[in-house]
Each structure stands twice: as C-alpha cells, then as structure tokens.
C-alpha cells in the first residue's frame, strides 16, 4: 500500500522585524503627523512586540494623530506559480471603531495598483495580540504582489493604533 501525503506549505515571506525594516516601505499623504514606526512599543499600545522586540505600529511610541493616511508595504512576494496562498500575521489594535480604520489589500508589485482588498474595515480594540489568517484572493495568484497595511483616521479622536508583527505568507 502506498500512502500519499501533501507536501508541507512553502514559506514565501516571513518577517518578525527583528532584523530591521528590510525591504518593507512606508508612506503617507503627509497631511497628518502619524507614520508607521518600527521598534518596541513604549507608551501606548501593546506592552511588547508579539515576538521578541520589534513590530510596526502607527506612531510606535504614541497615539496616532488625526487626519492620518499612512501605509506599510511588504517586499515583493512571488506568487507566479502559486495555486493558492495564505497570509498569517499578528495584530494589536486600539482604533476608534466606526471612524478610524485599517485596511489590508494586495497590490501589483510592478506599479502598486490595487488588485484586491483582503480585509476592511479593521477597527475596534483587541486588548492583546491576536492572529489573523486569510487566504489571498485569486487576483493575487500568478503575480508578484505586495501586501499593503493602510491606516486612516478622521479629524477628531486618537487612540493607540494598529500594530503588526510576525507576517508570513505560505503556498501549498
């Protein structure tokens, strides 16, 4: 009797941010004073990064400010031969529900055009790190893509924000 087993998933992106920013990029519309920061949370947000010291966060050592429009983009991820892909990451969120929000999208790595939205709106409070797992949409398959974690706030209140750690993409 011959038994067949599925091969274990192959990791095409894995980053715990302990080696620095690497090829991750950040940007903003420059209207607000909030930026994605890399480091260890100190004043607001989680007590520590999810694993060991570093994570990305909206103003890593303070509350996010009003009128923010900022993004964090992954390095290019090669899914040209992938028949499927799974994204896993840990998040901590303290975001004004219904007014401020995060959004997770997949972009074409050639021109940063949006291919599909993976998750929105991202708001509310987790109180601790929680794992998020999502299948990447069909629009991402067969391409080289980037992940975009985008955060926007309105002109009123500010909170601790959105923190990201231990990002991983696997293919079957």
N, C-alpha and C. Protein backbone atom coordinates (compact mmCIF):
# COMPACT_ATOMS: atom_id res chain seq x y z
N UNK A 1 0.83 -1.17 0.00
CA UNK A 1 0.00 0.00 0.00
C UNK A 1 0.89 1.25 0.00
N UNK A 2 0.61 2.13 -0.90
CA UNK A 2 1.35 3.39 -0.98
C UNK A 2 0.46 4.50 -0.45
N UNK A 3 1.00 5.24 0.49
CA UNK A 3 0.26 6.38 1.04
C UNK A 3 0.81 7.67 0.47
N UNK A 4 -0.09 8.57 0.15
CA UNK A 4 0.32 9.88 -0.35
C UNK A 4 0.08 10.92 0.74
N UNK A 5 1.02 11.84 0.84
CA UNK A 5 0.91 12.92 1.80
C UNK A 5 1.08 14.24 1.07
N UNK A 6 0.35 15.22 1.52
CA UNK A 6 0.53 16.56 0.97
C UNK A 6 1.87 17.12 1.46
N UNK A 7 2.55 17.80 0.58
CA UNK A 7 3.81 18.45 0.96
C UNK A 7 3.50 19.58 1.94
N UNK A 8 4.42 19.84 2.86
CA UNK A 8 4.18 20.96 3.78
C UNK A 8 4.18 22.28 3.01
N UNK A 9 3.51 23.30 3.53
CA UNK A 9 3.50 24.59 2.84
C UNK A 9 4.91 25.17 2.74
N UNK A 10 5.12 25.95 1.69
CA UNK A 10 6.39 26.63 1.47
C UNK A 10 6.21 28.09 1.88
N UNK A 11 7.11 28.59 2.68
CA UNK A 11 7.04 29.98 3.13
C UNK A 11 7.69 30.88 2.09
N UNK A 12 6.92 31.84 1.56
CA UNK A 12 7.45 32.77 0.56
C UNK A 12 7.71 34.15 1.15
N UNK A 13 7.19 34.41 2.34
CA UNK A 13 7.51 35.64 3.08
C UNK A 13 7.39 35.32 4.56
N UNK A 14 8.40 35.71 5.32
CA UNK A 14 8.35 35.55 6.77
C UNK A 14 9.18 36.67 7.38
N UNK A 15 8.56 37.49 8.22
CA UNK A 15 9.29 38.59 8.83
C UNK A 15 8.76 38.87 10.23
N UNK A 16 9.68 38.84 11.20
CA UNK A 16 9.32 39.20 12.57
C UNK A 16 9.89 40.57 12.94
N UNK A 17 10.51 41.25 11.98
CA UNK A 17 11.03 42.62 12.09
C UNK A 17 12.19 42.75 13.08
N UNK A 18 12.78 41.64 13.48
CA UNK A 18 13.91 41.71 14.41
C UNK A 18 15.20 42.15 13.71
N UNK A 19 15.25 42.01 12.39
CA UNK A 19 16.43 42.42 11.63
C UNK A 19 16.27 43.80 11.00
N UNK A 20 15.28 44.55 11.45
CA UNK A 20 15.06 45.89 10.91
C UNK A 20 13.97 45.92 9.86
N UNK A 21 13.91 47.03 9.15
CA UNK A 21 12.84 47.27 8.19
C UNK A 21 12.99 46.45 6.92
N UNK A 22 14.23 46.09 6.56
CA UNK A 22 14.42 45.32 5.34
C UNK A 22 13.85 46.04 4.13
N UNK A 23 13.11 45.31 3.30
CA UNK A 23 12.53 45.89 2.09
C UNK A 23 11.08 46.35 2.28
N UNK A 24 10.62 46.42 3.52
CA UNK A 24 9.30 46.99 3.79
C UNK A 24 9.38 48.50 3.57
N UNK A 25 8.33 49.08 3.00
CA UNK A 25 8.32 50.53 2.77
C UNK A 25 7.12 51.15 3.48
N UNK A 26 7.28 52.40 3.85
CA UNK A 26 6.21 53.15 4.50
C UNK A 26 5.99 54.44 3.74
N UNK A 27 4.79 54.98 3.88
CA UNK A 27 4.49 56.25 3.25
C UNK A 27 3.25 56.86 3.84
N UNK A 28 2.99 58.10 3.43
CA UNK A 28 1.81 58.81 3.92
C UNK A 28 1.42 59.87 2.92
N UNK A 29 0.23 60.44 3.15
CA UNK A 29 -0.19 61.57 2.32
C UNK A 29 0.40 62.87 2.85
N UNK A 30 1.15 62.79 3.95
CA UNK A 30 1.87 63.89 4.58
C UNK A 30 0.97 64.95 5.18
N UNK A 31 -0.33 64.70 5.29
CA UNK A 31 -1.24 65.68 5.90
C UNK A 31 -1.23 65.59 7.42
N UNK A 32 -1.11 64.39 7.95
CA UNK A 32 -1.12 64.20 9.40
C UNK A 32 0.28 63.95 9.93
N UNK A 33 0.42 63.83 11.23
CA UNK A 33 1.71 63.60 11.85
C UNK A 33 1.97 62.16 12.20
N UNK A 34 1.15 61.24 11.71
CA UNK A 34 1.30 59.83 12.04
C UNK A 34 2.11 59.12 10.96
N UNK A 35 3.03 58.27 11.38
CA UNK A 35 3.82 57.45 10.47
C UNK A 35 3.89 56.03 11.01
N UNK A 36 4.06 55.04 10.13
CA UNK A 36 4.35 53.69 10.59
C UNK A 36 5.75 53.72 11.18
N UNK A 37 5.90 53.20 12.38
CA UNK A 37 7.20 53.14 13.02
C UNK A 37 7.57 51.72 13.35
N UNK A 38 8.86 51.43 13.31
CA UNK A 38 9.38 50.11 13.64
C UNK A 38 10.14 50.20 14.95
N UNK A 39 9.83 49.30 15.87
CA UNK A 39 10.55 49.29 17.14
C UNK A 39 9.76 48.57 18.21
N UNK A 40 10.06 48.90 19.44
CA UNK A 40 9.38 48.31 20.59
C UNK A 40 8.40 49.32 21.15
N UNK A 41 7.12 48.98 21.26
CA UNK A 41 6.14 49.92 21.80
C UNK A 41 6.55 50.36 23.21
N UNK A 42 6.38 51.66 23.50
CA UNK A 42 6.84 52.15 24.79
C UNK A 42 5.77 52.85 25.62
N UNK A 43 4.90 53.62 24.99
CA UNK A 43 3.97 54.45 25.76
C UNK A 43 2.54 53.94 25.67
N UNK A 44 2.06 53.71 24.46
CA UNK A 44 0.69 53.24 24.25
C UNK A 44 0.72 51.94 23.47
N UNK A 45 -0.42 51.33 23.31
CA UNK A 45 -0.48 50.10 22.54
C UNK A 45 -0.08 48.90 23.36
N UNK A 46 0.43 47.86 22.69
CA UNK A 46 0.80 46.64 23.42
C UNK A 46 1.99 46.89 24.35
N UNK A 47 2.10 46.08 25.37
CA UNK A 47 3.22 46.21 26.31
C UNK A 47 4.54 45.85 25.64
N UNK A 48 4.49 44.92 24.68
CA UNK A 48 5.68 44.48 23.95
C UNK A 48 5.27 44.11 22.53
N UNK A 49 6.27 43.93 21.68
CA UNK A 49 6.00 43.35 20.37
C UNK A 49 5.52 41.92 20.57
N UNK A 50 4.92 41.32 19.54
CA UNK A 50 4.47 39.94 19.69
C UNK A 50 5.65 38.99 19.89
N UNK A 51 6.69 39.17 19.07
CA UNK A 51 7.89 38.34 19.24
C UNK A 51 9.11 39.19 19.04
N UNK A 52 10.15 38.89 19.60
CA UNK A 52 10.65 39.37 20.87
C UNK A 52 10.58 40.88 21.04
N UNK A 53 11.23 41.67 20.16
CA UNK A 53 11.37 43.09 20.49
C UNK A 53 10.66 44.06 19.55
N UNK A 54 10.66 43.79 18.25
CA UNK A 54 10.20 44.79 17.28
C UNK A 54 8.89 44.42 16.60
N UNK A 55 8.14 45.46 16.28
CA UNK A 55 6.93 45.35 15.47
C UNK A 55 6.77 46.68 14.74
N UNK A 56 5.86 46.73 13.78
CA UNK A 56 5.48 48.00 13.17
C UNK A 56 4.23 48.50 13.87
N UNK A 57 4.11 49.81 14.04
CA UNK A 57 2.92 50.38 14.65
C UNK A 57 2.69 51.80 14.16
N UNK A 58 1.46 52.24 14.27
CA UNK A 58 1.11 53.61 13.92
C UNK A 58 1.61 54.51 15.04
N UNK A 59 2.68 55.27 14.78
CA UNK A 59 3.36 56.05 15.82
C UNK A 59 3.74 55.11 16.96
N UNK A 60 4.80 54.38 16.79
CA UNK A 60 5.18 53.27 17.67
C UNK A 60 5.24 53.65 19.14
N UNK A 61 5.49 54.91 19.45
CA UNK A 61 5.62 55.30 20.86
C UNK A 61 4.63 56.38 21.29
N UNK A 62 3.50 56.46 20.61
CA UNK A 62 2.48 57.44 20.98
C UNK A 62 1.17 57.07 20.28
N UNK A 63 0.09 57.75 20.64
CA UNK A 63 -1.18 57.57 19.94
C UNK A 63 -1.06 58.10 18.51
N UNK A 64 -1.84 57.53 17.59
CA UNK A 64 -1.88 58.09 16.25
C UNK A 64 -2.57 59.45 16.31
N UNK A 65 -2.28 60.28 15.32
CA UNK A 65 -2.84 61.62 15.28
C UNK A 65 -4.05 61.66 14.34
N UNK A 66 -4.76 62.78 14.36
CA UNK A 66 -5.92 62.95 13.49
C UNK A 66 -5.46 63.12 12.04
N UNK A 67 -6.38 62.85 11.12
CA UNK A 67 -6.16 63.03 9.68
C UNK A 67 -4.99 62.22 9.13
N UNK A 68 -4.78 61.05 9.65
CA UNK A 68 -3.70 60.18 9.15
C UNK A 68 -4.16 59.43 7.91
N UNK A 69 -3.26 59.23 6.99
CA UNK A 69 -3.45 58.34 5.84
C UNK A 69 -2.07 57.77 5.53
N UNK A 70 -1.77 56.60 6.09
CA UNK A 70 -0.43 56.03 6.02
C UNK A 70 -0.48 54.58 5.54
N UNK A 71 0.61 54.11 4.97
CA UNK A 71 0.65 52.73 4.52
C UNK A 71 2.00 52.09 4.83
N UNK A 72 1.92 50.78 4.99
CA UNK A 72 3.08 49.91 5.20
C UNK A 72 2.99 48.84 4.13
N UNK A 73 4.03 48.73 3.29
CA UNK A 73 4.00 47.77 2.18
C UNK A 73 5.12 46.74 2.33
N UNK A 74 4.75 45.51 2.06
CA UNK A 74 5.71 44.41 2.14
C UNK A 74 6.68 44.44 0.97
N UNK A 75 7.76 43.69 1.09
CA UNK A 75 8.60 43.45 -0.09
C UNK A 75 7.79 42.66 -1.12
N UNK A 76 8.23 42.62 -2.38
CA UNK A 76 7.53 41.82 -3.38
C UNK A 76 7.47 40.34 -2.98
N UNK A 77 6.33 39.72 -3.25
CA UNK A 77 6.09 38.31 -2.94
C UNK A 77 5.77 37.61 -4.26
N UNK A 78 6.57 36.62 -4.62
CA UNK A 78 6.41 35.93 -5.89
C UNK A 78 5.37 34.82 -5.77
N UNK A 79 4.22 35.07 -6.37
CA UNK A 79 3.13 34.08 -6.41
C UNK A 79 2.87 33.62 -7.84
N UNK A 80 3.87 33.78 -8.73
CA UNK A 80 3.65 33.49 -10.15
C UNK A 80 3.29 32.04 -10.42
N UNK A 81 3.73 31.12 -9.57
CA UNK A 81 3.39 29.70 -9.79
C UNK A 81 2.46 29.16 -8.71
N UNK A 82 1.94 30.03 -7.89
CA UNK A 82 1.11 29.59 -6.75
C UNK A 82 -0.32 29.31 -7.18
N UNK A 83 -0.84 28.19 -6.70
CA UNK A 83 -2.25 27.86 -6.91
C UNK A 83 -3.11 28.33 -5.75
N UNK A 84 -2.47 28.85 -4.72
CA UNK A 84 -3.14 29.36 -3.53
C UNK A 84 -2.09 29.94 -2.61
N UNK A 85 -2.50 30.79 -1.70
CA UNK A 85 -1.56 31.38 -0.74
C UNK A 85 -2.32 31.78 0.51
N UNK A 86 -1.65 31.66 1.65
CA UNK A 86 -2.26 32.00 2.94
C UNK A 86 -1.39 33.03 3.65
N UNK A 87 -2.04 34.06 4.15
CA UNK A 87 -1.38 35.12 4.93
C UNK A 87 -1.71 34.91 6.39
N UNK A 88 -0.67 35.01 7.23
CA UNK A 88 -0.85 35.00 8.68
C UNK A 88 -0.04 36.14 9.26
N UNK A 89 -0.62 36.85 10.22
CA UNK A 89 0.13 37.87 10.94
C UNK A 89 -0.54 38.09 12.28
N UNK A 90 0.18 38.75 13.16
CA UNK A 90 -0.38 39.12 14.46
C UNK A 90 -0.63 40.61 14.47
N UNK A 91 -1.75 41.00 15.07
CA UNK A 91 -2.08 42.42 15.18
C UNK A 91 -2.52 42.74 16.60
N UNK A 92 -2.26 43.96 16.98
CA UNK A 92 -2.82 44.57 18.19
C UNK A 92 -3.51 45.82 17.68
N UNK A 93 -4.77 46.00 18.08
CA UNK A 93 -5.45 47.20 17.60
C UNK A 93 -6.20 47.90 18.72
N UNK A 94 -6.11 49.19 18.68
CA UNK A 94 -6.86 50.10 19.54
C UNK A 94 -7.22 51.28 18.65
N UNK A 95 -8.29 51.10 17.87
CA UNK A 95 -8.68 52.02 16.80
C UNK A 95 -10.12 52.45 17.02
N UNK A 96 -10.37 53.74 16.91
CA UNK A 96 -11.72 54.28 17.11
C UNK A 96 -12.69 53.60 16.14
N UNK A 97 -13.58 52.79 16.70
CA UNK A 97 -14.49 52.00 15.89
C UNK A 97 -15.49 52.88 15.15
N UNK A 98 -15.65 52.59 13.85
CA UNK A 98 -16.62 53.29 13.03
C UNK A 98 -16.14 54.61 12.45
N UNK A 99 -14.97 55.07 12.87
CA UNK A 99 -14.48 56.37 12.39
C UNK A 99 -13.07 56.27 11.80
N UNK A 100 -12.18 55.62 12.50
CA UNK A 100 -10.82 55.40 12.02
C UNK A 100 -10.71 53.92 11.66
N UNK A 101 -9.84 53.58 10.71
CA UNK A 101 -9.78 52.17 10.34
C UNK A 101 -8.51 51.81 9.59
N UNK A 102 -8.22 50.52 9.66
CA UNK A 102 -7.17 49.94 8.85
C UNK A 102 -7.80 49.19 7.69
N UNK A 103 -6.95 48.88 6.73
CA UNK A 103 -7.40 48.18 5.54
C UNK A 103 -6.22 47.35 5.04
N UNK A 104 -6.47 46.13 4.67
CA UNK A 104 -5.41 45.25 4.17
C UNK A 104 -5.73 44.90 2.73
N UNK A 105 -4.80 45.22 1.83
CA UNK A 105 -5.02 44.97 0.41
C UNK A 105 -3.79 44.29 -0.19
N UNK A 106 -3.98 43.71 -1.35
CA UNK A 106 -2.87 43.14 -2.11
C UNK A 106 -2.68 44.02 -3.35
N UNK A 107 -1.42 44.37 -3.61
CA UNK A 107 -1.07 45.27 -4.71
C UNK A 107 -0.23 44.53 -5.74
N UNK A 108 -0.31 44.99 -6.99
CA UNK A 108 0.59 44.51 -8.03
C UNK A 108 1.96 45.11 -7.74
N UNK A 109 2.99 44.29 -7.63
CA UNK A 109 4.32 44.78 -7.27
C UNK A 109 4.95 45.65 -8.35
N UNK A 110 4.47 45.53 -9.60
CA UNK A 110 5.05 46.33 -10.68
C UNK A 110 4.71 47.81 -10.57
N UNK A 111 3.46 48.12 -10.18
CA UNK A 111 3.05 49.53 -10.18
C UNK A 111 2.27 49.95 -8.93
N UNK A 112 2.22 49.08 -7.93
CA UNK A 112 1.49 49.34 -6.68
C UNK A 112 0.00 49.60 -6.87
N UNK A 113 -0.56 49.13 -8.00
CA UNK A 113 -2.01 49.25 -8.19
C UNK A 113 -2.70 48.18 -7.35
N UNK A 114 -3.87 48.51 -6.86
CA UNK A 114 -4.60 47.58 -6.00
C UNK A 114 -5.24 46.47 -6.83
N UNK A 115 -4.98 45.22 -6.42
CA UNK A 115 -5.59 44.06 -7.07
C UNK A 115 -6.85 43.62 -6.35
N UNK A 116 -6.82 43.65 -5.02
CA UNK A 116 -7.98 43.20 -4.23
C UNK A 116 -7.82 43.63 -2.78
N UNK A 117 -8.95 43.77 -2.11
CA UNK A 117 -8.96 44.05 -0.67
C UNK A 117 -9.09 42.72 0.05
N UNK A 118 -8.23 42.50 1.03
CA UNK A 118 -8.26 41.26 1.81
C UNK A 118 -9.16 41.43 3.03
N UNK A 119 -9.09 42.58 3.67
CA UNK A 119 -9.81 42.79 4.92
C UNK A 119 -10.05 44.27 5.15
N UNK A 120 -11.30 44.64 5.42
CA UNK A 120 -11.67 46.00 5.82
C UNK A 120 -13.08 46.01 6.36
N UNK A 121 -13.48 46.91 7.21
CA UNK A 121 -12.60 47.82 7.95
C UNK A 121 -11.95 47.07 9.11
N UNK A 122 -10.79 47.54 9.49
CA UNK A 122 -10.09 47.00 10.65
C UNK A 122 -10.13 48.07 11.72
N UNK A 123 -10.94 47.84 12.75
CA UNK A 123 -11.06 48.83 13.82
C UNK A 123 -11.44 48.13 15.12
N UNK A 124 -11.67 48.90 16.16
CA UNK A 124 -12.01 48.32 17.45
C UNK A 124 -10.77 48.05 18.28
N UNK A 125 -10.96 47.27 19.34
CA UNK A 125 -9.90 47.03 20.32
C UNK A 125 -9.73 45.52 20.53
N UNK A 126 -8.49 45.03 20.43
CA UNK A 126 -8.23 43.62 20.71
C UNK A 126 -7.80 43.40 22.15
N UNK A 127 -7.12 44.37 22.75
CA UNK A 127 -6.65 44.22 24.13
C UNK A 127 -5.38 43.42 24.27
N UNK A 128 -5.04 42.62 23.25
CA UNK A 128 -3.81 41.84 23.24
C UNK A 128 -3.53 41.46 21.79
N UNK A 129 -2.39 40.85 21.55
CA UNK A 129 -2.07 40.39 20.20
C UNK A 129 -3.02 39.27 19.79
N UNK A 130 -3.49 39.32 18.56
CA UNK A 130 -4.32 38.23 18.03
C UNK A 130 -3.84 37.88 16.63
N UNK A 131 -3.95 36.60 16.29
CA UNK A 131 -3.51 36.15 14.97
C UNK A 131 -4.63 36.31 13.96
N UNK A 132 -4.26 36.79 12.78
CA UNK A 132 -5.18 36.93 11.65
C UNK A 132 -4.69 35.98 10.57
N UNK A 133 -5.60 35.18 10.02
CA UNK A 133 -5.27 34.26 8.93
C UNK A 133 -6.27 34.48 7.80
N UNK A 134 -5.77 34.71 6.60
CA UNK A 134 -6.63 34.93 5.43
C UNK A 134 -6.01 34.26 4.21
N UNK A 135 -6.86 33.68 3.38
CA UNK A 135 -6.42 33.21 2.07
C UNK A 135 -6.25 34.43 1.18
N UNK A 136 -5.18 34.47 0.43
CA UNK A 136 -5.03 35.57 -0.51
C UNK A 136 -6.01 35.36 -1.66
N UNK A 137 -6.61 36.45 -2.15
CA UNK A 137 -7.64 36.33 -3.18
C UNK A 137 -7.06 35.85 -4.52
N UNK A 138 -7.91 35.29 -5.38
CA UNK A 138 -7.46 34.78 -6.68
C UNK A 138 -6.72 35.83 -7.51
N UNK A 139 -7.07 37.11 -7.33
CA UNK A 139 -6.42 38.18 -8.10
C UNK A 139 -4.92 38.26 -7.81
N UNK A 140 -4.47 37.73 -6.68
CA UNK A 140 -3.05 37.78 -6.31
C UNK A 140 -2.25 36.64 -6.93
N UNK A 141 -2.92 35.57 -7.28
CA UNK A 141 -2.23 34.38 -7.76
C UNK A 141 -1.72 34.57 -9.19
N UNK A 142 -0.54 34.01 -9.46
CA UNK A 142 0.05 34.16 -10.79
C UNK A 142 0.79 35.47 -10.98
N UNK A 143 0.98 36.22 -9.90
CA UNK A 143 1.61 37.54 -9.99
C UNK A 143 2.67 37.71 -8.91
N UNK A 144 3.46 38.75 -9.05
CA UNK A 144 4.33 39.21 -7.97
C UNK A 144 3.57 40.35 -7.31
N UNK A 145 3.35 40.23 -6.01
CA UNK A 145 2.47 41.16 -5.30
C UNK A 145 3.16 41.75 -4.07
N UNK A 146 2.50 42.74 -3.49
CA UNK A 146 2.87 43.30 -2.19
C UNK A 146 1.62 43.33 -1.33
N UNK A 147 1.81 43.25 -0.03
CA UNK A 147 0.72 43.48 0.92
C UNK A 147 0.75 44.94 1.33
N UNK A 148 -0.41 45.54 1.49
CA UNK A 148 -0.47 46.92 1.97
C UNK A 148 -1.37 46.99 3.21
N UNK A 149 -0.76 47.39 4.33
CA UNK A 149 -1.49 47.68 5.56
C UNK A 149 -1.69 49.19 5.56
N UNK A 150 -2.93 49.63 5.38
CA UNK A 150 -3.21 51.07 5.28
C UNK A 150 -4.05 51.50 6.47
N UNK A 151 -3.74 52.67 7.01
CA UNK A 151 -4.46 53.19 8.17
C UNK A 151 -4.89 54.62 7.91
N UNK A 152 -6.17 54.91 8.23
CA UNK A 152 -6.71 56.26 8.07
C UNK A 152 -7.48 56.66 9.32
N UNK A 153 -7.30 57.92 9.72
CA UNK A 153 -8.04 58.44 10.87
C UNK A 153 -8.78 59.71 10.47
N UNK A 154 -9.85 60.00 11.21
CA UNK A 154 -10.63 61.20 10.94
C UNK A 154 -10.04 62.40 11.69
N UNK A 155 -10.83 63.46 11.80
CA UNK A 155 -10.31 64.70 12.38
C UNK A 155 -10.70 64.90 13.84
N UNK A 156 -11.05 63.83 14.55
CA UNK A 156 -11.47 64.01 15.94
C UNK A 156 -10.53 63.33 16.92
N UNK A 157 -10.84 62.13 17.35
CA UNK A 157 -10.11 61.49 18.43
C UNK A 157 -8.91 60.67 17.93
N UNK A 158 -8.01 60.36 18.87
CA UNK A 158 -6.91 59.47 18.54
C UNK A 158 -6.75 58.41 19.61
N UNK A 159 -6.24 57.26 19.20
CA UNK A 159 -6.10 56.09 20.06
C UNK A 159 -4.69 55.52 19.89
N UNK A 160 -4.42 54.38 20.52
CA UNK A 160 -3.08 53.77 20.45
C UNK A 160 -2.72 53.35 19.03
N UNK A 161 -3.69 52.79 18.27
CA UNK A 161 -3.44 52.48 16.88
C UNK A 161 -3.40 51.01 16.52
N UNK A 162 -2.68 50.72 15.44
CA UNK A 162 -2.62 49.39 14.84
C UNK A 162 -1.16 48.95 14.81
N UNK A 163 -0.91 47.76 15.32
CA UNK A 163 0.44 47.22 15.41
C UNK A 163 0.47 45.87 14.70
N UNK A 164 1.54 45.63 13.93
CA UNK A 164 1.66 44.43 13.09
C UNK A 164 2.97 43.72 13.43
N UNK A 165 2.92 42.39 13.53
CA UNK A 165 4.14 41.62 13.80
C UNK A 165 4.02 40.22 13.19
N UNK A 166 5.14 39.58 12.97
CA UNK A 166 5.22 38.18 12.55
C UNK A 166 4.37 37.88 11.32
N UNK A 167 4.69 38.54 10.21
CA UNK A 167 3.95 38.39 8.96
C UNK A 167 4.52 37.20 8.18
N UNK A 168 3.61 36.35 7.70
CA UNK A 168 4.04 35.15 6.96
C UNK A 168 3.05 34.87 5.83
N UNK A 169 3.60 34.55 4.66
CA UNK A 169 2.79 34.08 3.53
C UNK A 169 3.33 32.72 3.13
N UNK A 170 2.42 31.74 3.03
CA UNK A 170 2.80 30.39 2.61
C UNK A 170 1.99 29.98 1.39
N UNK A 171 2.57 29.07 0.61
CA UNK A 171 1.87 28.49 -0.54
C UNK A 171 1.87 26.98 -0.37
N UNK A 172 0.82 26.31 -0.86
CA UNK A 172 0.76 24.84 -0.70
C UNK A 172 1.83 24.14 -1.53
